[in-house]
Structures are given as C-alpha cells and as structure tokens.
Amino acid sequence: MEQRVSLITLGVGDVQRARAFYERLGWQGREVDETVFFQAGGVAIVLWGTDKLALDCGIPQRQDGGFEGIAFAHNVRSETEVDEVIAAAERAGAVVTRPPAETFYGGYAGVFTDPDGHAWEIAHNPGFPLADDGSITVPDFNGS
C-alpha cells in the first residue's frame, strides 16, 4: 500500500448544512449522489450522511459513538490491487469490514479497519484517475 490518502470522507448529520458551512469558508463543492466533494490539494474531502457512510464501510453505527464518522480512502490503479492491499492489511492485523466487490458507482472496493477502528476504503474508481504521484482530481460531475 502506497503511503498516501486519496479521499477523506466526513460523516455528517446534514449534508446541505455541512456544505453550506464549508462554502462559507470559501471552499467550492461538487455534489453528486447525496455527497459533496471538495478538492483539497491532491486529495478530496467528501461530505456524506453518517448513517450512509457507516453502512458503506460495513461498520454498525452505534449510539455510544462506536463509529467515529470518518473514513479514509486509498485509491489504486486496478481491481487486482484492491484485492492485494485488502489481503495485506488483513495479514497485518486489520479487520475487513467489507470484502472487495463491485460498487454502486462502477468501481471496485473493500474496507478494513485498523487496530483502533479507523476505516480505510481501498478503491479502484475509473472516474477518479490517479496521477503518477497518486493524487486525484475531483471530476466535473456535471460534464461542463
């Protein structure tokens, strides 16, 4: 696994309220499928409903704060690489919470948690091509 982060997804109680907050800070978001993406250097910050993020990560959302509402994503160049990274993480002691599989957005991904419960999605997403250095650029979802 390369030492980098592609996306940081923040689980939020109200996506539109959170988007408005970040836009008041001067950030410019791009909305697609109930999520908002903000380009932040070579990574993206994503806002998504906490309940949907927990479900997507395969982690039960608990009333006692068990799911912290944040997930890191590490994008890779192929489906095979997703499988390899998830297997290596499991060998290293991670818990696989969502085995690699095709995704609703046309990609392929799996999720594991580290020993402290931090969620990591390993994803191959054809819509987010990687630069040579591993950075991503949020696409123009509106095609303009």
N, C-alpha and C. Protein backbone atom coordinates (compact mmCIF):
# COMPACT_ATOMS: atom_id res chain seq x y z
N MET A 1 0.86 -1.18 0.00
CA MET A 1 0.00 0.00 0.00
C MET A 1 0.90 1.23 0.00
N GLU A 2 0.69 2.11 -0.97
CA GLU A 2 1.46 3.35 -1.03
C GLU A 2 1.09 4.24 0.15
N GLN A 3 2.03 5.01 0.63
CA GLN A 3 1.82 5.88 1.78
C GLN A 3 1.18 7.19 1.31
N ARG A 4 -0.16 7.17 1.16
CA ARG A 4 -0.89 8.35 0.75
C ARG A 4 -2.37 8.16 1.03
N VAL A 5 -3.12 9.25 1.02
CA VAL A 5 -4.57 9.24 1.19
C VAL A 5 -5.17 9.89 -0.06
N SER A 6 -6.24 9.30 -0.60
CA SER A 6 -6.91 9.85 -1.77
C SER A 6 -8.11 10.72 -1.39
N LEU A 7 -8.94 10.21 -0.50
CA LEU A 7 -10.12 10.93 -0.05
C LEU A 7 -10.29 10.76 1.45
N ILE A 8 -10.84 11.79 2.08
CA ILE A 8 -11.25 11.72 3.48
C ILE A 8 -12.74 12.02 3.48
N THR A 9 -13.54 11.06 3.91
CA THR A 9 -14.99 11.24 3.94
C THR A 9 -15.43 11.53 5.37
N LEU A 10 -16.13 12.64 5.53
CA LEU A 10 -16.65 13.04 6.83
C LEU A 10 -18.12 12.68 6.90
N GLY A 11 -18.49 11.87 7.86
CA GLY A 11 -19.90 11.57 8.09
C GLY A 11 -20.55 12.76 8.76
N VAL A 12 -21.62 13.27 8.16
CA VAL A 12 -22.26 14.48 8.68
C VAL A 12 -23.75 14.22 8.90
N GLY A 13 -24.34 14.98 9.82
CA GLY A 13 -25.76 14.83 10.12
C GLY A 13 -26.65 15.41 9.05
N ASP A 14 -26.19 16.44 8.35
CA ASP A 14 -26.98 17.10 7.31
C ASP A 14 -26.00 17.57 6.24
N VAL A 15 -26.04 16.92 5.08
CA VAL A 15 -25.07 17.20 4.02
C VAL A 15 -25.17 18.66 3.55
N GLN A 16 -26.38 19.16 3.37
CA GLN A 16 -26.53 20.53 2.87
C GLN A 16 -26.05 21.56 3.89
N ARG A 17 -26.31 21.31 5.17
CA ARG A 17 -25.82 22.22 6.21
C ARG A 17 -24.30 22.23 6.23
N ALA A 18 -23.70 21.03 6.14
CA ALA A 18 -22.23 20.93 6.15
C ALA A 18 -21.65 21.60 4.90
N ARG A 19 -22.27 21.37 3.75
CA ARG A 19 -21.78 22.00 2.51
C ARG A 19 -21.81 23.52 2.64
N ALA A 20 -22.91 24.05 3.15
CA ALA A 20 -23.03 25.50 3.31
C ALA A 20 -21.93 26.04 4.21
N PHE A 21 -21.62 25.31 5.28
CA PHE A 21 -20.55 25.73 6.19
C PHE A 21 -19.22 25.82 5.44
N TYR A 22 -18.84 24.76 4.72
CA TYR A 22 -17.56 24.76 4.02
C TYR A 22 -17.52 25.80 2.91
N GLU A 23 -18.65 26.03 2.27
CA GLU A 23 -18.68 27.06 1.23
C GLU A 23 -18.58 28.45 1.83
N ARG A 24 -19.09 28.65 3.04
CA ARG A 24 -18.90 29.93 3.72
C ARG A 24 -17.43 30.16 4.06
N LEU A 25 -16.68 29.05 4.19
CA LEU A 25 -15.23 29.17 4.42
C LEU A 25 -14.47 29.48 3.13
N GLY A 26 -15.18 29.45 2.01
CA GLY A 26 -14.55 29.74 0.73
C GLY A 26 -14.27 28.52 -0.13
N TRP A 27 -14.66 27.33 0.32
CA TRP A 27 -14.46 26.12 -0.46
C TRP A 27 -15.54 26.01 -1.52
N GLN A 28 -15.23 25.34 -2.63
CA GLN A 28 -16.20 25.13 -3.70
C GLN A 28 -16.46 23.65 -3.84
N GLY A 29 -17.71 23.24 -3.62
CA GLY A 29 -18.06 21.83 -3.66
C GLY A 29 -18.74 21.42 -4.95
N ARG A 30 -18.66 20.12 -5.21
CA ARG A 30 -19.34 19.49 -6.35
C ARG A 30 -20.20 18.37 -5.80
N GLU A 31 -21.50 18.46 -6.05
CA GLU A 31 -22.44 17.49 -5.48
C GLU A 31 -22.78 16.40 -6.48
N VAL A 32 -22.82 15.15 -5.98
CA VAL A 32 -23.27 14.01 -6.77
C VAL A 32 -23.78 12.94 -5.81
N ASP A 33 -24.94 12.38 -6.11
CA ASP A 33 -25.50 11.25 -5.36
C ASP A 33 -25.44 11.43 -3.84
N GLU A 34 -25.98 12.54 -3.35
CA GLU A 34 -26.08 12.80 -1.91
C GLU A 34 -24.74 12.96 -1.22
N THR A 35 -23.69 13.26 -1.99
CA THR A 35 -22.38 13.55 -1.43
C THR A 35 -21.89 14.86 -2.02
N VAL A 36 -20.96 15.50 -1.33
CA VAL A 36 -20.33 16.71 -1.84
C VAL A 36 -18.82 16.51 -1.77
N PHE A 37 -18.14 16.77 -2.89
CA PHE A 37 -16.70 16.62 -3.00
C PHE A 37 -16.04 17.99 -3.03
N PHE A 38 -14.97 18.15 -2.26
CA PHE A 38 -14.16 19.37 -2.26
C PHE A 38 -12.73 18.96 -2.63
N GLN A 39 -12.18 19.57 -3.67
CA GLN A 39 -10.78 19.33 -4.00
C GLN A 39 -9.95 20.00 -2.92
N ALA A 40 -9.00 19.29 -2.34
CA ALA A 40 -8.16 19.83 -1.27
C ALA A 40 -6.72 19.43 -1.57
N GLY A 41 -6.08 20.18 -2.45
CA GLY A 41 -4.75 19.78 -2.91
C GLY A 41 -4.88 18.52 -3.75
N GLY A 42 -4.05 17.53 -3.49
CA GLY A 42 -4.08 16.29 -4.25
C GLY A 42 -5.04 15.25 -3.70
N VAL A 43 -5.88 15.64 -2.73
CA VAL A 43 -6.87 14.73 -2.16
C VAL A 43 -8.25 15.39 -2.24
N ALA A 44 -9.27 14.66 -1.87
CA ALA A 44 -10.61 15.23 -1.82
C ALA A 44 -11.19 15.02 -0.43
N ILE A 45 -11.93 16.02 0.03
CA ILE A 45 -12.73 15.91 1.24
C ILE A 45 -14.16 15.68 0.77
N VAL A 46 -14.81 14.67 1.34
CA VAL A 46 -16.17 14.31 0.92
C VAL A 46 -17.10 14.40 2.11
N LEU A 47 -18.27 14.98 1.90
CA LEU A 47 -19.31 15.03 2.92
C LEU A 47 -20.38 14.02 2.54
N TRP A 48 -20.77 13.17 3.50
CA TRP A 48 -21.78 12.15 3.25
C TRP A 48 -22.50 11.88 4.55
N GLY A 49 -23.75 11.56 4.52
CA GLY A 49 -24.52 11.26 5.73
C GLY A 49 -23.84 10.19 6.56
N THR A 50 -23.72 10.41 7.86
CA THR A 50 -23.03 9.47 8.75
C THR A 50 -23.62 8.07 8.65
N ASP A 51 -24.94 7.96 8.59
CA ASP A 51 -25.56 6.64 8.52
C ASP A 51 -25.19 5.91 7.24
N LYS A 52 -25.14 6.62 6.13
CA LYS A 52 -24.78 6.00 4.85
C LYS A 52 -23.30 5.63 4.81
N LEU A 53 -22.46 6.46 5.40
CA LEU A 53 -21.03 6.16 5.45
C LEU A 53 -20.78 4.93 6.31
N ALA A 54 -21.42 4.84 7.45
CA ALA A 54 -21.25 3.66 8.31
C ALA A 54 -21.69 2.40 7.58
N LEU A 55 -22.84 2.46 6.92
CA LEU A 55 -23.34 1.31 6.17
C LEU A 55 -22.37 0.93 5.05
N ASP A 56 -21.86 1.92 4.32
CA ASP A 56 -20.94 1.66 3.22
C ASP A 56 -19.64 1.02 3.72
N CYS A 57 -19.21 1.40 4.91
CA CYS A 57 -17.98 0.85 5.48
C CYS A 57 -18.20 -0.51 6.13
N GLY A 58 -19.45 -0.91 6.26
CA GLY A 58 -19.73 -2.19 6.92
C GLY A 58 -19.52 -2.13 8.42
N ILE A 59 -19.68 -0.94 8.98
CA ILE A 59 -19.48 -0.73 10.41
C ILE A 59 -20.80 -0.27 11.01
N PRO A 60 -21.33 -0.99 11.99
CA PRO A 60 -22.59 -0.56 12.60
C PRO A 60 -22.44 0.81 13.25
N GLN A 61 -23.42 1.66 13.02
CA GLN A 61 -23.43 2.96 13.69
C GLN A 61 -24.06 2.74 15.05
N ARG A 62 -23.32 3.05 16.11
CA ARG A 62 -23.80 2.80 17.46
C ARG A 62 -24.09 4.12 18.17
N GLN A 63 -25.03 4.06 19.07
CA GLN A 63 -25.40 5.25 19.84
C GLN A 63 -24.28 5.67 20.80
N ASP A 64 -23.39 4.72 21.16
CA ASP A 64 -22.33 5.04 22.12
C ASP A 64 -21.09 5.65 21.45
N GLY A 65 -21.21 6.00 20.15
CA GLY A 65 -20.09 6.64 19.47
C GLY A 65 -19.09 5.67 18.89
N GLY A 66 -19.47 4.39 18.68
CA GLY A 66 -18.54 3.39 18.16
C GLY A 66 -17.99 3.72 16.80
N PHE A 67 -18.80 4.30 15.91
CA PHE A 67 -18.31 4.73 14.61
C PHE A 67 -18.06 6.22 14.68
N GLU A 68 -16.84 6.60 14.39
CA GLU A 68 -16.44 8.00 14.57
C GLU A 68 -16.89 8.91 13.43
N GLY A 69 -17.43 8.35 12.34
CA GLY A 69 -17.95 9.20 11.28
C GLY A 69 -16.90 9.74 10.33
N ILE A 70 -15.79 9.03 10.19
CA ILE A 70 -14.74 9.45 9.26
C ILE A 70 -14.16 8.20 8.60
N ALA A 71 -13.90 8.30 7.32
CA ALA A 71 -13.29 7.18 6.60
C ALA A 71 -12.24 7.74 5.64
N PHE A 72 -11.13 7.05 5.57
CA PHE A 72 -10.08 7.41 4.63
C PHE A 72 -10.22 6.52 3.40
N ALA A 73 -9.88 7.05 2.24
CA ALA A 73 -9.88 6.23 1.03
C ALA A 73 -8.49 6.26 0.42
N HIS A 74 -8.09 5.10 -0.05
CA HIS A 74 -6.81 4.93 -0.74
C HIS A 74 -7.15 4.36 -2.10
N ASN A 75 -7.09 5.21 -3.13
CA ASN A 75 -7.43 4.76 -4.47
C ASN A 75 -6.21 4.09 -5.10
N VAL A 76 -6.48 3.03 -5.86
CA VAL A 76 -5.43 2.26 -6.53
C VAL A 76 -5.76 2.15 -8.01
N ARG A 77 -4.86 1.56 -8.76
CA ARG A 77 -4.95 1.57 -10.22
C ARG A 77 -5.70 0.38 -10.83
N SER A 78 -6.06 -0.63 -10.04
CA SER A 78 -6.73 -1.80 -10.61
C SER A 78 -7.52 -2.54 -9.54
N GLU A 79 -8.45 -3.38 -9.99
CA GLU A 79 -9.19 -4.23 -9.06
C GLU A 79 -8.25 -5.22 -8.37
N THR A 80 -7.29 -5.72 -9.11
CA THR A 80 -6.32 -6.66 -8.52
C THR A 80 -5.58 -6.00 -7.37
N GLU A 81 -5.22 -4.74 -7.54
CA GLU A 81 -4.51 -4.03 -6.47
C GLU A 81 -5.40 -3.85 -5.24
N VAL A 82 -6.71 -3.66 -5.44
CA VAL A 82 -7.63 -3.60 -4.30
C VAL A 82 -7.53 -4.89 -3.50
N ASP A 83 -7.64 -6.03 -4.21
CA ASP A 83 -7.58 -7.33 -3.54
C ASP A 83 -6.26 -7.50 -2.79
N GLU A 84 -5.16 -7.11 -3.42
CA GLU A 84 -3.84 -7.27 -2.81
C GLU A 84 -3.69 -6.42 -1.55
N VAL A 85 -4.15 -5.18 -1.61
CA VAL A 85 -4.00 -4.29 -0.44
C VAL A 85 -4.89 -4.76 0.71
N ILE A 86 -6.13 -5.16 0.41
CA ILE A 86 -7.02 -5.66 1.47
C ILE A 86 -6.42 -6.91 2.11
N ALA A 87 -5.89 -7.82 1.30
CA ALA A 87 -5.27 -9.04 1.85
C ALA A 87 -4.06 -8.70 2.71
N ALA A 88 -3.23 -7.77 2.26
CA ALA A 88 -2.05 -7.37 3.03
C ALA A 88 -2.46 -6.72 4.35
N ALA A 89 -3.52 -5.91 4.31
CA ALA A 89 -3.99 -5.26 5.54
C ALA A 89 -4.49 -6.31 6.53
N GLU A 90 -5.21 -7.30 6.03
CA GLU A 90 -5.72 -8.36 6.91
C GLU A 90 -4.56 -9.14 7.54
N ARG A 91 -3.55 -9.44 6.73
CA ARG A 91 -2.37 -10.13 7.27
C ARG A 91 -1.66 -9.29 8.33
N ALA A 92 -1.75 -7.96 8.17
CA ALA A 92 -1.10 -7.06 9.12
C ALA A 92 -1.91 -6.86 10.40
N GLY A 93 -3.12 -7.42 10.45
CA GLY A 93 -3.94 -7.31 11.65
C GLY A 93 -5.21 -6.50 11.49
N ALA A 94 -5.52 -6.01 10.29
CA ALA A 94 -6.75 -5.26 10.06
C ALA A 94 -7.95 -6.20 10.10
N VAL A 95 -9.11 -5.62 10.35
CA VAL A 95 -10.37 -6.35 10.26
C VAL A 95 -11.05 -5.89 8.97
N VAL A 96 -11.34 -6.83 8.08
CA VAL A 96 -12.03 -6.50 6.84
C VAL A 96 -13.52 -6.37 7.16
N THR A 97 -14.06 -5.16 6.98
CA THR A 97 -15.46 -4.92 7.30
C THR A 97 -16.34 -4.99 6.06
N ARG A 98 -15.75 -4.83 4.89
CA ARG A 98 -16.46 -5.00 3.62
C ARG A 98 -15.50 -5.61 2.62
N PRO A 99 -15.66 -6.89 2.30
CA PRO A 99 -14.75 -7.52 1.34
C PRO A 99 -14.81 -6.83 -0.02
N PRO A 100 -13.73 -6.88 -0.78
CA PRO A 100 -13.72 -6.26 -2.11
C PRO A 100 -14.85 -6.77 -2.99
N ALA A 101 -15.51 -5.83 -3.66
CA ALA A 101 -16.63 -6.15 -4.55
C ALA A 101 -16.89 -4.95 -5.45
N GLU A 102 -17.70 -5.17 -6.48
CA GLU A 102 -18.11 -4.07 -7.34
C GLU A 102 -18.92 -3.08 -6.51
N THR A 103 -18.84 -1.80 -6.88
CA THR A 103 -19.52 -0.74 -6.13
C THR A 103 -20.68 -0.16 -6.94
N PHE A 104 -21.50 0.62 -6.26
CA PHE A 104 -22.64 1.27 -6.92
C PHE A 104 -22.19 2.32 -7.91
N TYR A 105 -20.98 2.83 -7.81
CA TYR A 105 -20.51 3.88 -8.71
C TYR A 105 -19.69 3.34 -9.89
N GLY A 106 -19.68 2.02 -10.06
CA GLY A 106 -18.98 1.45 -11.20
C GLY A 106 -17.53 1.12 -10.95
N GLY A 107 -17.13 1.13 -9.70
CA GLY A 107 -15.76 0.79 -9.34
C GLY A 107 -15.70 -0.56 -8.63
N TYR A 108 -14.65 -0.71 -7.85
CA TYR A 108 -14.41 -1.95 -7.10
C TYR A 108 -13.70 -1.55 -5.83
N ALA A 109 -14.20 -1.99 -4.67
CA ALA A 109 -13.62 -1.52 -3.42
C ALA A 109 -13.89 -2.49 -2.28
N GLY A 110 -13.08 -2.36 -1.23
CA GLY A 110 -13.26 -3.06 0.02
C GLY A 110 -12.87 -2.12 1.14
N VAL A 111 -13.25 -2.47 2.36
CA VAL A 111 -12.96 -1.62 3.52
C VAL A 111 -12.38 -2.48 4.64
N PHE A 112 -11.37 -1.91 5.32
CA PHE A 112 -10.85 -2.54 6.52
C PHE A 112 -10.72 -1.49 7.60
N THR A 113 -10.63 -1.96 8.85
CA THR A 113 -10.35 -1.05 9.96
C THR A 113 -9.01 -1.42 10.57
N ASP A 114 -8.31 -0.38 11.03
CA ASP A 114 -7.04 -0.60 11.71
C ASP A 114 -7.30 -1.02 13.16
N PRO A 115 -6.27 -1.30 13.94
CA PRO A 115 -6.49 -1.77 15.31
C PRO A 115 -7.29 -0.81 16.20
N ASP A 116 -7.35 0.48 15.83
CA ASP A 116 -8.13 1.43 16.61
C ASP A 116 -9.50 1.71 16.01
N GLY A 117 -9.87 0.97 14.96
CA GLY A 117 -11.20 1.11 14.38
C GLY A 117 -11.34 2.14 13.29
N HIS A 118 -10.23 2.75 12.84
CA HIS A 118 -10.30 3.73 11.75
C HIS A 118 -10.56 3.01 10.44
N ALA A 119 -11.56 3.47 9.69
CA ALA A 119 -11.96 2.83 8.44
C ALA A 119 -11.13 3.31 7.26
N TRP A 120 -10.69 2.34 6.45
CA TRP A 120 -9.94 2.62 5.22
C TRP A 120 -10.63 1.92 4.06
N GLU A 121 -11.09 2.68 3.09
CA GLU A 121 -11.62 2.09 1.86
C GLU A 121 -10.48 2.02 0.86
N ILE A 122 -10.30 0.85 0.26
CA ILE A 122 -9.33 0.67 -0.82
C ILE A 122 -10.16 0.55 -2.08
N ALA A 123 -9.97 1.46 -3.02
CA ALA A 123 -10.88 1.54 -4.16
C ALA A 123 -10.16 1.71 -5.49
N HIS A 124 -10.72 1.04 -6.48
CA HIS A 124 -10.38 1.33 -7.87
C HIS A 124 -11.61 2.01 -8.44
N ASN A 125 -11.49 3.28 -8.78
CA ASN A 125 -12.60 4.07 -9.29
C ASN A 125 -12.19 4.67 -10.62
N PRO A 126 -12.69 4.13 -11.73
CA PRO A 126 -12.32 4.66 -13.05
C PRO A 126 -12.65 6.13 -13.23
N GLY A 127 -13.60 6.66 -12.45
CA GLY A 127 -13.96 8.07 -12.55
C GLY A 127 -12.99 9.01 -11.86
N PHE A 128 -12.04 8.46 -11.09
CA PHE A 128 -11.04 9.25 -10.38
C PHE A 128 -9.65 8.74 -10.77
N PRO A 129 -9.21 9.04 -11.99
CA PRO A 129 -7.89 8.54 -12.38
C PRO A 129 -6.78 9.10 -11.49
N LEU A 130 -5.78 8.28 -11.25
CA LEU A 130 -4.66 8.69 -10.41
C LEU A 130 -3.55 9.29 -11.25
N ALA A 131 -2.97 10.37 -10.75
CA ALA A 131 -1.76 10.92 -11.36
C ALA A 131 -0.59 10.01 -11.00
N ASP A 132 0.55 10.22 -11.63
CA ASP A 132 1.72 9.40 -11.35
C ASP A 132 2.09 9.40 -9.87
N ASP A 133 1.86 10.54 -9.19
CA ASP A 133 2.22 10.63 -7.77
C ASP A 133 1.11 10.10 -6.86
N GLY A 134 0.01 9.57 -7.44
CA GLY A 134 -1.08 9.02 -6.64
C GLY A 134 -2.15 10.02 -6.28
N SER A 135 -1.99 11.28 -6.65
CA SER A 135 -3.01 12.27 -6.32
C SER A 135 -4.21 12.10 -7.25
N ILE A 136 -5.34 12.63 -6.81
CA ILE A 136 -6.56 12.56 -7.61
C ILE A 136 -7.05 13.97 -7.90
N THR A 137 -7.91 14.07 -8.89
CA THR A 137 -8.61 15.32 -9.19
C THR A 137 -10.09 15.00 -9.23
N VAL A 138 -10.87 15.74 -8.47
CA VAL A 138 -12.32 15.52 -8.45
C VAL A 138 -12.85 15.86 -9.84
N PRO A 139 -13.57 14.93 -10.46
CA PRO A 139 -14.08 15.19 -11.81
C PRO A 139 -15.22 16.21 -11.80
N ASP A 140 -15.51 16.75 -12.98
CA ASP A 140 -16.65 17.64 -13.14
C ASP A 140 -17.87 16.75 -13.35
N PHE A 141 -18.67 16.56 -12.31
CA PHE A 141 -19.79 15.62 -12.38
C PHE A 141 -20.88 16.09 -13.32
N ASN A 142 -20.92 17.41 -13.61
CA ASN A 142 -21.95 17.94 -14.50
C ASN A 142 -21.57 17.92 -15.96
N GLY A 143 -20.33 17.51 -16.25
CA GLY A 143 -19.88 17.43 -17.64
C GLY A 143 -19.61 18.78 -18.28
N SER A 144 -19.49 19.82 -17.49
CA SER A 144 -19.23 21.14 -18.06
C SER A 144 -17.79 21.54 -17.91
